[in-house]
């Protein structure tokens, strides 16, 4: 049984990676099967040990019976009862035969138990090796899957194309920033012009009010109108124009 289990496990491990679609699942299943078999062997060993203990108990009981019937035979002889002594000796012989048989059976059982214990130890060692190898193979399989997936992604990804997209987006952002800056400058110029217009009008209005106040407060001020004096030249063109103030 043990040899078949070991052979089966090695055959499965050696051929698994070459023909299985899902190595991780098959590794787990194979380890589970081997572990189940180990549990069955443990139960068999436990049963063998129990049988050995039972034989030891039966052997000891028959030995005790041999001694008991030996004492009874002795007692019967001491009482002068030979018939009763003969019966006791016959019973003693029966138990002695049982002792002989049980002793032989117990030796055989102990050999079988010892062999099963040794095979269980070896099988448990194989199970531990299988667990370690299973973990390593699963880790390798996961790493291979991750590497394959990464390579697939890299094969579909172009770094230069990504950089070109980023540069294009950078140019668009810069263009928007410059446009926003220009709009801000235009808005600032318009605002300055509006305030300058208001400031110029304010100066004129202030001067006008002052002039009106001066005229209303001083009646002696007279208004003079300009007069053009023409100096005629020989070619009938005016060379100079003068403005004279004429008093009323």
Protein backbone atom coordinates (compact mmCIF):
# COMPACT_ATOMS: atom_id res chain seq x y z
CA UNK A 1 0.00 0.00 0.00
CA UNK A 2 2.78 2.39 0.97
CA UNK A 3 4.81 1.70 -2.17
CA UNK A 4 1.78 2.26 -4.38
CA UNK A 5 1.06 5.61 -2.73
CA UNK A 6 4.63 6.84 -3.17
CA UNK A 7 4.74 5.67 -6.80
CA UNK A 8 1.42 7.34 -7.54
CA UNK A 9 2.48 10.63 -6.01
CA UNK A 10 5.83 10.75 -7.83
CA UNK A 11 4.18 9.90 -11.15
CA UNK A 12 1.65 12.69 -10.75
CA UNK A 13 4.25 15.28 -9.74
CA UNK A 14 6.59 14.41 -12.61
CA UNK A 15 3.91 14.63 -15.29
CA UNK A 16 1.78 17.43 -13.88
CA UNK A 17 3.40 20.58 -15.23
CA UNK A 18 3.60 19.18 -18.74
CA UNK A 19 -0.06 18.29 -19.17
CA UNK A 20 -2.18 20.19 -16.66
CA UNK A 21 -4.07 23.33 -17.59
CA UNK A 22 -4.19 24.51 -13.99
CA UNK A 23 -1.05 23.38 -12.10
CA UNK A 24 -2.08 25.11 -8.89
CA UNK A 25 -5.41 23.31 -8.70
CA UNK A 26 -3.89 19.95 -9.57
CA UNK A 27 -1.09 20.38 -7.03
CA UNK A 28 -3.60 21.13 -4.31
CA UNK A 29 -5.76 18.16 -5.31
CA UNK A 30 -2.80 15.78 -5.48
CA UNK A 31 -1.55 16.88 -2.10
CA UNK A 32 -5.03 16.45 -0.67
CA UNK A 33 -5.23 12.91 -2.05
CA UNK A 34 -1.85 12.02 -0.57
CA UNK A 35 -2.78 13.58 2.75
CA UNK A 36 -6.01 11.56 2.80
CA UNK A 37 -3.99 8.41 2.20
CA UNK A 38 -1.63 9.33 5.02
CA UNK A 39 -4.64 9.75 7.30
CA UNK A 40 -5.84 6.28 6.33
CA UNK A 41 -2.41 4.80 7.09
CA UNK A 42 -2.45 6.55 10.46
CA UNK A 43 -5.79 5.02 11.22
CA UNK A 44 -4.43 1.61 10.22
CA UNK A 45 -1.41 2.08 12.49
CA UNK A 46 -3.68 3.16 15.32
CA UNK A 47 -5.80 0.04 14.79
CA UNK A 48 -2.67 -2.13 14.79
CA UNK A 49 -1.51 -0.57 18.03
CA UNK A 50 -4.94 -1.12 19.55
CA UNK A 51 -4.87 -4.78 18.47
CA UNK A 52 -1.43 -5.15 19.99
CA UNK A 53 -2.63 -3.70 23.27
CA UNK A 54 -5.64 -6.00 23.25
CA UNK A 55 -3.45 -9.07 22.67
CA UNK A 56 -1.18 -8.00 25.50
CA UNK A 57 -4.20 -7.70 27.78
CA UNK A 58 -5.57 -11.11 26.75
CA UNK A 59 -2.15 -12.70 27.19
CA UNK A 60 -1.81 -11.28 30.65
CA UNK A 61 -5.31 -12.45 31.61
CA UNK A 62 -4.56 -16.00 30.44
CA UNK A 63 -1.27 -15.98 32.34
CA UNK A 64 -3.19 -14.92 35.43
CA UNK A 65 -5.69 -17.74 34.86
CA UNK A 66 -2.87 -20.25 34.53
CA UNK A 67 -1.53 -19.14 37.89
CA UNK A 68 -5.01 -19.19 39.42
CA UNK A 69 -5.80 -22.75 38.30
CA UNK A 70 -2.36 -23.88 39.36
CA UNK A 71 -3.09 -22.61 42.86
CA UNK A 72 -6.49 -24.33 42.85
CA UNK A 73 -4.98 -27.61 41.79
CA UNK A 74 -2.47 -27.32 44.61
CA UNK A 75 -5.27 -26.57 47.05
CA UNK A 76 -7.28 -29.61 45.87
CA UNK A 77 -4.26 -31.88 46.30
CA UNK A 78 -3.72 -30.52 49.79
CA UNK A 79 -7.32 -31.37 50.59
CA UNK A 80 -6.92 -34.88 49.21
CA UNK A 81 -9.33 -34.26 46.35
CA UNK A 82 -7.48 -35.65 43.36
CA UNK A 83 -10.45 -35.42 40.96
CA UNK A 84 -10.84 -31.72 41.64
CA UNK A 85 -7.10 -31.30 41.26
CA UNK A 86 -7.19 -33.04 37.85
CA UNK A 87 -10.00 -30.65 36.66
CA UNK A 88 -8.01 -27.65 37.82
CA UNK A 89 -4.94 -28.89 36.00
CA UNK A 90 -6.95 -29.45 32.83
CA UNK A 91 -8.23 -25.86 32.99
CA UNK A 92 -4.70 -24.70 33.58
CA UNK A 93 -3.57 -26.53 30.43
CA UNK A 94 -6.27 -24.78 28.40
CA UNK A 95 -5.11 -21.38 29.53
CA UNK A 96 -1.49 -22.31 28.92
CA UNK A 97 -2.33 -23.22 25.33
CA UNK A 98 -4.08 -19.86 24.97
CA UNK A 99 -1.03 -18.15 26.41
CA UNK A 100 1.21 -19.85 23.84
CA UNK A 101 -1.06 -18.89 20.96
CA UNK A 102 -1.52 -15.33 22.17
CA UNK A 103 2.19 -14.90 22.72
CA UNK A 104 2.91 -15.96 19.13
CA UNK A 105 0.13 -13.73 17.81
CA UNK A 106 1.36 -10.82 19.88
CA UNK A 107 4.89 -11.15 18.50
CA UNK A 108 3.52 -11.14 14.94
CA UNK A 109 1.32 -8.16 15.70
CA UNK A 110 4.23 -6.23 17.21
CA UNK A 111 6.28 -6.82 14.07
CA UNK A 112 3.40 -5.62 11.90
CA UNK A 113 2.88 -2.57 14.10
CA UNK A 114 6.57 -1.71 14.00
CA UNK A 115 6.61 -2.01 10.21
CA UNK A 116 3.48 0.16 9.87
CA UNK A 117 4.98 2.77 12.19
CA UNK A 118 8.12 2.96 10.10
CA UNK A 119 6.18 3.20 6.85
CA UNK A 120 3.94 5.88 8.34
CA UNK A 121 7.03 7.88 9.33
CA UNK A 122 8.40 7.59 5.81
CA UNK A 123 5.05 8.49 4.28
CA UNK A 124 4.72 11.52 6.54
CA UNK A 125 8.19 12.61 5.46
CA UNK A 126 7.10 12.24 1.83
CA UNK A 127 3.98 14.23 2.64
CA UNK A 128 6.09 17.05 4.09
CA UNK A 129 8.33 17.02 1.02
CA UNK A 130 5.23 17.07 -1.18
CA UNK A 131 3.87 20.06 0.74
CA UNK A 132 7.14 21.97 0.36
CA UNK A 133 7.39 21.14 -3.34
CA UNK A 134 3.74 22.02 -3.83
CA UNK A 135 4.25 25.44 -2.26
CA UNK A 136 7.33 26.10 -4.37
CA UNK A 137 5.61 25.03 -7.60
CA UNK A 138 2.53 27.13 -6.81
CA UNK A 139 4.75 30.15 -6.11
CA UNK A 140 6.60 29.58 -9.38
CA UNK A 141 3.35 29.19 -11.27
CA UNK A 142 1.97 32.41 -9.79
CA UNK A 143 5.20 34.23 -10.63
CA UNK A 144 5.04 32.90 -14.19
CA UNK A 145 1.43 34.06 -14.52
CA UNK A 146 2.33 37.50 -13.18
CA UNK A 147 5.31 37.79 -15.51
CA UNK A 148 3.22 36.70 -18.49
CA UNK A 149 0.50 39.22 -17.67
CA UNK A 150 3.07 41.98 -17.20
CA UNK A 151 4.69 41.17 -20.53
CA UNK A 152 1.29 41.18 -22.24
CA UNK A 153 0.56 44.61 -20.81
CA UNK A 154 4.00 45.89 -21.81
CA UNK A 155 3.55 44.58 -25.34
CA UNK A 156 0.34 46.60 -25.65
CA UNK A 157 1.78 49.71 -24.03
CA UNK A 158 3.95 52.25 -25.91
CA UNK A 159 5.99 54.54 -23.71
CA UNK A 160 6.71 56.93 -26.59
CA UNK A 161 3.02 57.12 -27.42
CA UNK A 162 2.19 57.92 -23.82
CA UNK A 163 4.84 60.64 -23.73
CA UNK A 164 3.48 62.14 -26.94
CA UNK A 165 0.00 62.31 -25.43
CA UNK A 166 1.38 63.93 -22.29
CA UNK A 167 3.34 66.49 -24.34
CA UNK A 168 0.23 67.32 -26.37
CA UNK A 169 -1.78 67.81 -23.21
CA UNK A 170 1.02 69.97 -21.79
CA UNK A 171 0.90 72.20 -24.90
CA UNK A 172 -2.86 72.54 -24.61
CA UNK A 173 -2.63 73.44 -20.92
CA UNK A 174 0.08 76.02 -21.69
CA UNK A 175 -2.08 77.48 -24.46
CA UNK A 176 -4.99 77.84 -22.07
CA UNK A 177 -2.75 79.45 -19.45
CA UNK A 178 -1.45 82.04 -21.97
CA UNK A 179 -4.96 82.78 -23.18
CA UNK A 180 -6.16 83.30 -19.63
CA UNK A 181 -3.20 85.60 -18.96
CA UNK A 182 -3.92 87.65 -22.10
CA UNK A 183 -7.58 88.02 -21.14
CA UNK A 184 -6.53 89.18 -17.70
CA UNK A 185 -4.22 91.84 -19.21
CA UNK A 186 -6.94 93.06 -21.59
CA UNK A 187 -9.41 93.35 -18.74
CA UNK A 188 -6.84 95.31 -16.72
CA UNK A 189 -6.19 97.77 -19.63
CA UNK A 190 -9.93 98.40 -20.09
CA UNK A 191 -10.30 99.09 -16.41
CA UNK A 192 -7.42 101.58 -16.45
CA UNK A 193 -8.94 103.37 -19.43
CA UNK A 194 -12.29 103.60 -17.74
CA UNK A 195 -10.77 105.14 -14.62
CA UNK A 196 -8.66 107.55 -16.68
CA UNK A 197 -11.78 108.72 -18.53
CA UNK A 198 -13.50 109.28 -15.23
CA UNK A 199 -10.47 111.13 -13.89
CA UNK A 200 -10.31 113.46 -16.98
CA UNK A 201 -14.00 114.27 -16.78
CA UNK A 202 -13.67 114.96 -13.09
CA UNK A 203 -10.92 117.53 -13.71
CA UNK A 204 -13.01 119.34 -16.33
CA UNK A 205 -16.10 119.38 -14.18
CA UNK A 206 -14.13 120.69 -11.24
CA UNK A 207 -12.60 123.47 -13.30
CA UNK A 208 -15.99 124.36 -14.77
CA UNK A 209 -17.56 124.65 -11.34
CA UNK A 210 -14.72 126.86 -10.16
CA UNK A 211 -15.11 129.12 -13.17
CA UNK A 212 -18.85 129.42 -12.66
CA UNK A 213 -18.30 130.34 -9.05
CA UNK A 214 -15.75 132.96 -9.98
CA UNK A 215 -18.03 134.59 -12.55
CA UNK A 216 -21.02 134.66 -10.26
CA UNK A 217 -19.03 136.16 -7.39
CA UNK A 218 -17.22 138.93 -9.45
CA UNK A 219 -19.60 141.01 -11.68
CA UNK A 220 -16.74 143.18 -12.93
CA UNK A 221 -15.41 140.39 -15.04
CA UNK A 222 -16.18 141.08 -18.71
CA UNK A 223 -16.25 138.55 -21.45
CA UNK A 224 -14.06 139.35 -24.43
CA UNK A 225 -14.63 137.87 -27.83
CA UNK A 226 -11.75 137.10 -30.20
CA UNK A 227 -11.31 139.05 -33.45
CA UNK A 228 -9.29 138.00 -36.44
CA UNK A 229 -6.96 140.63 -37.95
CA UNK A 230 -5.89 139.77 -41.41
CA UNK A 231 -2.66 140.94 -42.89
CA UNK A 232 -2.94 140.85 -46.61
CA UNK A 233 0.06 140.14 -48.71
CA UNK A 234 0.59 141.00 -52.31
CA UNK A 235 -0.49 137.53 -53.48
CA UNK A 236 -3.81 137.94 -51.60
CA UNK A 237 -2.83 135.29 -49.01
CA UNK A 238 -3.00 135.78 -45.31
CA UNK A 239 0.38 135.41 -43.82
CA UNK A 240 -0.58 135.81 -40.21
CA UNK A 241 -3.68 135.82 -38.05
CA UNK A 242 -4.00 137.71 -34.87
CA UNK A 243 -6.59 137.64 -32.26
CA UNK A 244 -7.25 140.93 -30.60
CA UNK A 245 -9.35 141.49 -27.64
CA UNK A 246 -11.92 144.24 -28.16
CA UNK A 247 -13.44 145.81 -25.13
CA UNK A 248 -17.11 146.74 -25.23
